[in-house]
Amino acid sequence: MKNFLRFFVLMILMVFPVPLVMGQGFIHDTPLKVFLGLALLIPLILLSVGGIQKSLEVKIHRGLLFYSWVFWTVFFALGTITVPYNPEAWAFWIVHIALLLLYLFIYMVSAFCLTTWFHRKQKPIWSKVIDMSIFAFPLPVVLMGRIFYDEIPPEVAMLAFTAIYQLIYLLVLLMVALTMASIVFSMMPSTQYHHKTVRILQIFITAMIWLGVNVYVIWGYLPQFIVDSIKYVMPLFVNSPLVYITPLIFEMSILAIAVYAGYGFEKLVFSKMNTQKKEDEPIEW
């Protein structure tokens, strides 16, 4: 942790000066874009140079750093916290810089934690559900939640129904693409795995269960008591944080069911084949 904090302080010293000079003490508009670009490029460069990385003694995967940067940039860009631009007020400057420091810190801590998580030695099935969820759900859920979060009168929401529906449709497609990719890349067998056909069928079953449940929930018939309960578990357009929490819990639950069903299929096939895996060939995830 000490090495990470040292790396973070180095980032502050290298990322902030140029945007502050460009904005004459304030980071907004073009200087803000420069700040975001430097916040990504500088750590990527430092982590790519072997000698510098060894001297810093901090392990952060570059791909996970980029993913963390994308997510938190979108998160802060869509955030409900706004700071009115008032260059003459010291309070504005303090809050503005504090938010940028918070952004830089959270994004780098996330990359560090993700790197630690994905380099764990033991990978039980439940942890693979978390692996897939990390890449599949955060971005779509944040974008969808931002649409449903702000308080909007019902009549205004009805007038904007077509535009909202089109946005949600695109975000659903994004979630489907990310989830399918996460399932495939997380469960794809290695070259040493001897039962690739079984694993491919397992991937197919897992993906189809998750997709089928979501398609049914969106376009299929739901009992009236479930329809009535939606306004309590996911109230729309009333500034409720549940528009972020409920979809995330729901999607992770469905994914967990799909993953365990796929795993059960694999176990069933091997039991029918009377095949017992060797100790040096565990079930790979």
Protein backbone atom coordinates (compact mmCIF):
# COMPACT_ATOMS: atom_id res chain seq x y z
CA MET A 1 0.00 0.00 0.00
CA LYS A 2 2.91 2.33 0.71
CA ASN A 3 4.19 1.82 -2.83
CA PHE A 4 0.76 2.60 -4.25
CA LEU A 5 0.48 5.84 -2.26
CA ARG A 6 3.91 6.86 -3.49
CA PHE A 7 2.78 6.11 -7.05
CA PHE A 8 -0.40 8.15 -6.52
CA VAL A 9 1.55 11.18 -5.24
CA LEU A 10 3.78 10.90 -8.31
CA MET A 11 0.65 10.95 -10.50
CA ILE A 12 -0.58 14.13 -8.81
CA LEU A 13 2.74 15.84 -9.46
CA MET A 14 2.80 14.78 -13.11
CA VAL A 15 -0.89 15.12 -14.05
CA PHE A 16 -2.03 18.40 -12.45
CA PRO A 17 0.61 21.03 -13.43
CA VAL A 18 -0.04 21.23 -17.20
CA PRO A 19 -3.87 21.54 -16.98
CA LEU A 20 -3.55 24.08 -14.13
CA VAL A 21 -1.18 26.24 -16.19
CA MET A 22 -3.41 25.97 -19.27
CA GLY A 23 -6.51 26.97 -17.29
CA GLN A 24 -4.71 29.66 -15.28
CA GLY A 25 -5.38 27.83 -12.04
CA PHE A 26 -8.64 26.18 -13.06
CA ILE A 27 -9.21 22.89 -14.85
CA HIS A 28 -12.23 23.19 -17.12
CA ASP A 29 -13.12 22.74 -20.81
CA THR A 30 -9.90 22.04 -22.76
CA PRO A 31 -7.63 21.81 -19.67
CA LEU A 32 -10.06 19.23 -18.26
CA LYS A 33 -9.70 17.10 -21.40
CA VAL A 34 -5.92 17.41 -21.09
CA PHE A 35 -6.16 16.36 -17.43
CA LEU A 36 -8.20 13.26 -18.30
CA GLY A 37 -5.80 12.33 -21.08
CA LEU A 38 -2.74 12.72 -18.86
CA ALA A 39 -4.47 10.78 -16.07
CA LEU A 40 -4.52 7.80 -18.45
CA LEU A 41 -1.35 8.22 -20.52
CA ILE A 42 1.17 8.97 -17.75
CA PRO A 43 0.50 5.86 -15.63
CA LEU A 44 0.31 3.71 -18.79
CA ILE A 45 3.72 4.98 -19.89
CA LEU A 46 5.28 4.53 -16.46
CA LEU A 47 3.88 1.01 -16.14
CA SER A 48 5.15 0.12 -19.62
CA VAL A 49 8.78 1.02 -18.90
CA GLY A 50 10.29 -1.98 -17.12
CA GLY A 51 12.93 -0.11 -15.16
CA ILE A 52 10.52 2.54 -13.89
CA GLN A 53 7.90 -0.06 -12.97
CA LYS A 54 10.41 -2.04 -10.93
CA SER A 55 11.59 1.07 -9.12
CA LEU A 56 7.99 2.05 -8.30
CA GLU A 57 7.27 -1.49 -7.04
CA VAL A 58 3.57 -1.22 -7.79
CA LYS A 59 1.63 -3.85 -9.73
CA ILE A 60 -1.23 -2.49 -11.82
CA HIS A 61 -2.33 -4.23 -15.00
CA ARG A 62 -2.45 -1.77 -17.89
CA GLY A 63 -5.65 -3.19 -19.34
CA LEU A 64 -7.42 -2.96 -15.98
CA LEU A 65 -6.07 0.57 -15.56
CA PHE A 66 -7.66 1.55 -18.88
CA TYR A 67 -10.98 -0.11 -17.94
CA SER A 68 -11.02 1.66 -14.59
CA TRP A 69 -10.26 4.97 -16.30
CA VAL A 70 -13.15 4.52 -18.75
CA PHE A 71 -15.65 3.59 -16.05
CA TRP A 72 -14.81 6.34 -13.58
CA THR A 73 -14.55 8.96 -16.31
CA VAL A 74 -18.07 8.08 -17.42
CA PHE A 75 -19.25 7.90 -13.81
CA PHE A 76 -17.98 11.36 -12.91
CA ALA A 77 -19.08 12.83 -16.23
CA LEU A 78 -22.64 11.62 -15.57
CA GLY A 79 -22.57 12.40 -11.86
CA THR A 80 -25.30 14.43 -10.23
CA ILE A 81 -22.76 16.51 -8.31
CA THR A 82 -22.20 19.79 -10.13
CA VAL A 83 -20.01 22.72 -9.16
CA PRO A 84 -21.14 26.09 -10.60
CA TYR A 85 -18.26 27.70 -12.44
CA ASN A 86 -17.15 30.73 -10.42
CA PRO A 87 -13.42 31.44 -10.80
CA GLU A 88 -13.58 34.26 -8.25
CA ALA A 89 -14.70 32.01 -5.40
CA TRP A 90 -12.05 30.12 -3.46
CA ALA A 91 -14.69 27.58 -2.40
CA PHE A 92 -15.24 26.69 -6.05
CA TRP A 93 -11.53 26.14 -6.62
CA ILE A 94 -11.16 23.95 -3.52
CA VAL A 95 -14.20 21.79 -4.35
CA HIS A 96 -13.19 21.55 -8.00
CA ILE A 97 -9.64 20.38 -7.25
CA ALA A 98 -10.92 18.05 -4.52
CA LEU A 99 -13.27 16.34 -6.99
CA LEU A 100 -10.45 15.85 -9.48
CA LEU A 101 -8.22 14.42 -6.75
CA LEU A 102 -11.05 12.11 -5.72
CA TYR A 103 -11.51 11.00 -9.32
CA LEU A 104 -7.80 10.28 -9.75
CA PHE A 105 -7.58 8.42 -6.44
CA ILE A 106 -10.71 6.27 -6.94
CA TYR A 107 -9.79 5.36 -10.49
CA MET A 108 -6.26 4.29 -9.55
CA VAL A 109 -7.36 2.45 -6.40
CA SER A 110 -9.90 0.56 -8.51
CA ALA A 111 -7.21 -0.44 -11.01
CA PHE A 112 -4.94 -1.59 -8.16
CA CYS A 113 -7.74 -3.60 -6.48
CA LEU A 114 -8.82 -5.18 -9.77
CA THR A 115 -5.23 -6.21 -10.48
CA THR A 116 -4.96 -7.81 -7.04
CA TRP A 117 -8.31 -9.55 -7.47
CA PHE A 118 -7.58 -11.03 -10.90
CA HIS A 119 -4.16 -12.29 -9.77
CA ARG A 120 -5.64 -14.38 -6.94
CA LYS A 121 -4.50 -18.01 -6.85
CA GLN A 122 -7.77 -19.80 -6.09
CA LYS A 123 -10.73 -19.18 -8.41
CA PRO A 124 -13.94 -20.82 -7.13
CA ILE A 125 -17.05 -20.60 -9.29
CA TRP A 126 -18.69 -17.79 -7.32
CA SER A 127 -15.61 -15.63 -7.85
CA LYS A 128 -15.88 -16.16 -11.61
CA VAL A 129 -19.39 -14.71 -11.47
CA ILE A 130 -17.83 -11.59 -9.98
CA ASP A 131 -15.15 -11.62 -12.69
CA MET A 132 -17.76 -11.60 -15.44
CA SER A 133 -19.92 -9.03 -13.67
CA ILE A 134 -17.01 -6.60 -13.31
CA PHE A 135 -16.74 -6.27 -17.08
CA ALA A 136 -20.35 -6.88 -18.12
CA PHE A 137 -22.55 -4.70 -15.93
CA PRO A 138 -21.00 -1.52 -14.43
CA LEU A 139 -20.97 0.67 -17.56
CA PRO A 140 -24.47 -0.23 -18.85
CA VAL A 141 -25.98 -0.03 -15.36
CA VAL A 142 -24.46 3.40 -14.68
CA LEU A 143 -25.65 4.73 -18.04
CA MET A 144 -29.15 3.30 -17.61
CA GLY A 145 -29.35 4.50 -14.04
CA ARG A 146 -28.43 8.02 -15.10
CA ILE A 147 -31.39 8.04 -17.47
CA PHE A 148 -33.83 6.90 -14.78
CA TYR A 149 -32.37 8.84 -11.84
CA ASP A 150 -33.40 12.47 -12.33
CA GLU A 151 -36.85 13.49 -11.16
CA ILE A 152 -39.02 14.05 -14.23
CA PRO A 153 -42.80 14.71 -14.25
CA PRO A 154 -44.75 11.78 -15.75
CA GLU A 155 -46.08 13.89 -18.62
CA VAL A 156 -42.56 14.92 -19.61
CA ALA A 157 -41.38 11.32 -19.41
CA MET A 158 -44.21 10.27 -21.72
CA LEU A 159 -43.28 12.94 -24.25
CA ALA A 160 -39.68 11.73 -24.21
CA PHE A 161 -40.69 8.05 -24.28
CA THR A 162 -39.39 7.36 -27.80
CA ALA A 163 -35.96 8.87 -27.12
CA ILE A 164 -35.68 7.09 -23.75
CA TYR A 165 -36.71 3.77 -25.31
CA GLN A 166 -34.08 4.09 -28.04
CA LEU A 167 -31.36 4.87 -25.50
CA ILE A 168 -32.34 1.95 -23.30
CA TYR A 169 -32.43 -0.34 -26.34
CA LEU A 170 -28.86 0.63 -27.26
CA LEU A 171 -27.67 0.15 -23.68
CA VAL A 172 -29.32 -3.28 -23.50
CA LEU A 173 -27.43 -4.25 -26.66
CA LEU A 174 -24.23 -2.97 -25.04
CA MET A 175 -24.89 -5.06 -21.92
CA VAL A 176 -25.60 -8.15 -24.01
CA ALA A 177 -22.37 -7.71 -25.99
CA LEU A 178 -20.28 -7.15 -22.86
CA THR A 179 -21.88 -10.08 -21.03
CA MET A 180 -21.43 -12.49 -23.93
CA ALA A 181 -17.79 -11.45 -24.27
CA SER A 182 -17.22 -11.78 -20.51
CA ILE A 183 -18.71 -15.28 -20.45
CA VAL A 184 -16.67 -16.45 -23.43
CA PHE A 185 -13.33 -15.02 -22.29
CA SER A 186 -13.80 -16.12 -18.67
CA MET A 187 -14.76 -19.71 -19.50
CA MET A 188 -12.76 -20.37 -22.68
CA PRO A 189 -10.65 -23.49 -22.11
CA SER A 190 -6.88 -23.41 -22.36
CA THR A 191 -4.93 -25.40 -24.91
CA GLN A 192 -4.17 -28.07 -22.25
CA TYR A 193 -7.86 -28.69 -21.57
CA HIS A 194 -8.89 -32.06 -23.07
CA HIS A 195 -12.68 -31.61 -23.28
CA LYS A 196 -13.07 -28.46 -25.34
CA THR A 197 -16.40 -29.52 -26.88
CA VAL A 198 -17.96 -29.92 -23.44
CA ARG A 199 -16.66 -26.53 -22.37
CA ILE A 200 -17.99 -24.83 -25.52
CA LEU A 201 -21.42 -26.36 -24.86
CA GLN A 202 -21.16 -25.15 -21.28
CA ILE A 203 -20.41 -21.62 -22.49
CA PHE A 204 -23.38 -21.79 -24.86
CA ILE A 205 -25.75 -22.97 -22.11
CA THR A 206 -24.53 -20.30 -19.68
CA ALA A 207 -24.96 -17.54 -22.26
CA MET A 208 -28.40 -18.72 -23.41
CA ILE A 209 -29.78 -18.98 -19.86
CA TRP A 210 -28.68 -15.44 -19.02
CA LEU A 211 -29.97 -14.09 -22.33
CA GLY A 212 -33.23 -16.05 -22.19
CA VAL A 213 -34.14 -14.85 -18.69
CA ASN A 214 -33.45 -11.23 -19.64
CA VAL A 215 -35.45 -11.46 -22.86
CA TYR A 216 -38.38 -12.96 -20.96
CA VAL A 217 -38.25 -10.31 -18.24
CA ILE A 218 -38.15 -7.48 -20.80
CA TRP A 219 -40.67 -8.77 -23.37
CA GLY A 220 -42.39 -11.76 -21.77
CA TYR A 221 -45.41 -12.07 -19.49
CA LEU A 222 -44.87 -11.20 -15.83
CA PRO A 223 -47.41 -11.79 -13.05
CA GLN A 224 -49.19 -8.63 -11.95
CA PHE A 225 -47.73 -8.67 -8.43
CA ILE A 226 -44.23 -8.55 -9.93
CA VAL A 227 -45.21 -5.67 -12.20
CA ASP A 228 -46.67 -3.82 -9.21
CA SER A 229 -43.53 -4.39 -7.13
CA ILE A 230 -41.22 -2.81 -9.72
CA LYS A 231 -42.13 0.72 -8.60
CA TYR A 232 -40.90 -0.16 -5.10
CA VAL A 233 -37.68 -2.00 -5.93
CA MET A 234 -36.76 0.29 -8.84
CA PRO A 235 -38.64 3.62 -8.71
CA LEU A 236 -38.02 5.59 -11.89
CA PHE A 237 -37.46 9.35 -12.24
CA VAL A 238 -37.59 10.08 -8.49
CA ASN A 239 -33.87 10.52 -7.61
CA SER A 240 -33.68 6.98 -6.22
CA PRO A 241 -30.29 5.18 -6.04
CA LEU A 242 -32.20 1.92 -6.50
CA VAL A 243 -32.11 2.53 -10.28
CA TYR A 244 -28.42 1.62 -10.00
CA ILE A 245 -28.59 -1.04 -7.27
CA THR A 246 -31.57 -3.14 -8.35
CA PRO A 247 -30.46 -3.83 -11.96
CA LEU A 248 -26.95 -4.71 -10.80
CA ILE A 249 -28.21 -7.20 -8.20
CA PHE A 250 -30.71 -8.66 -10.65
CA GLU A 251 -28.20 -9.15 -13.46
CA MET A 252 -25.56 -10.64 -11.16
CA SER A 253 -28.14 -13.05 -9.73
CA ILE A 254 -29.22 -14.22 -13.19
CA LEU A 255 -25.59 -14.58 -14.25
CA ALA A 256 -24.83 -16.65 -11.14
CA ILE A 257 -27.75 -18.98 -11.93
CA ALA A 258 -26.52 -19.33 -15.52
CA VAL A 259 -22.92 -19.99 -14.50
CA TYR A 260 -23.86 -22.64 -11.94
CA ALA A 261 -26.25 -24.25 -14.44
CA GLY A 262 -23.43 -24.44 -16.98
CA TYR A 263 -21.12 -25.89 -14.35
CA GLY A 264 -23.79 -28.45 -13.43
CA PHE A 265 -24.04 -29.44 -17.09
CA GLU A 266 -20.29 -30.05 -17.22
CA LYS A 267 -20.37 -32.14 -14.05
CA LEU A 268 -23.29 -34.16 -15.43
CA VAL A 269 -21.47 -34.87 -18.69
CA PHE A 270 -18.34 -36.02 -16.90
CA SER A 271 -20.34 -38.22 -14.56
CA LYS A 272 -22.00 -39.85 -17.58
CA MET A 273 -18.62 -40.32 -19.22
CA ASN A 274 -17.29 -41.77 -15.96
CA THR A 275 -14.42 -39.33 -16.36
CA GLN A 276 -12.62 -38.07 -13.34
CA LYS A 277 -10.30 -35.13 -13.77
CA LYS A 278 -6.68 -35.52 -12.81
CA GLU A 279 -5.22 -33.47 -10.01
CA ASP A 280 -3.06 -31.59 -12.48
CA GLU A 281 -6.10 -30.85 -14.65
CA PRO A 282 -8.68 -29.12 -12.45
CA ILE A 283 -11.86 -27.61 -13.85
CA GLU A 284 -10.55 -24.47 -15.46
CA TRP A 285 -12.32 -21.14 -15.29
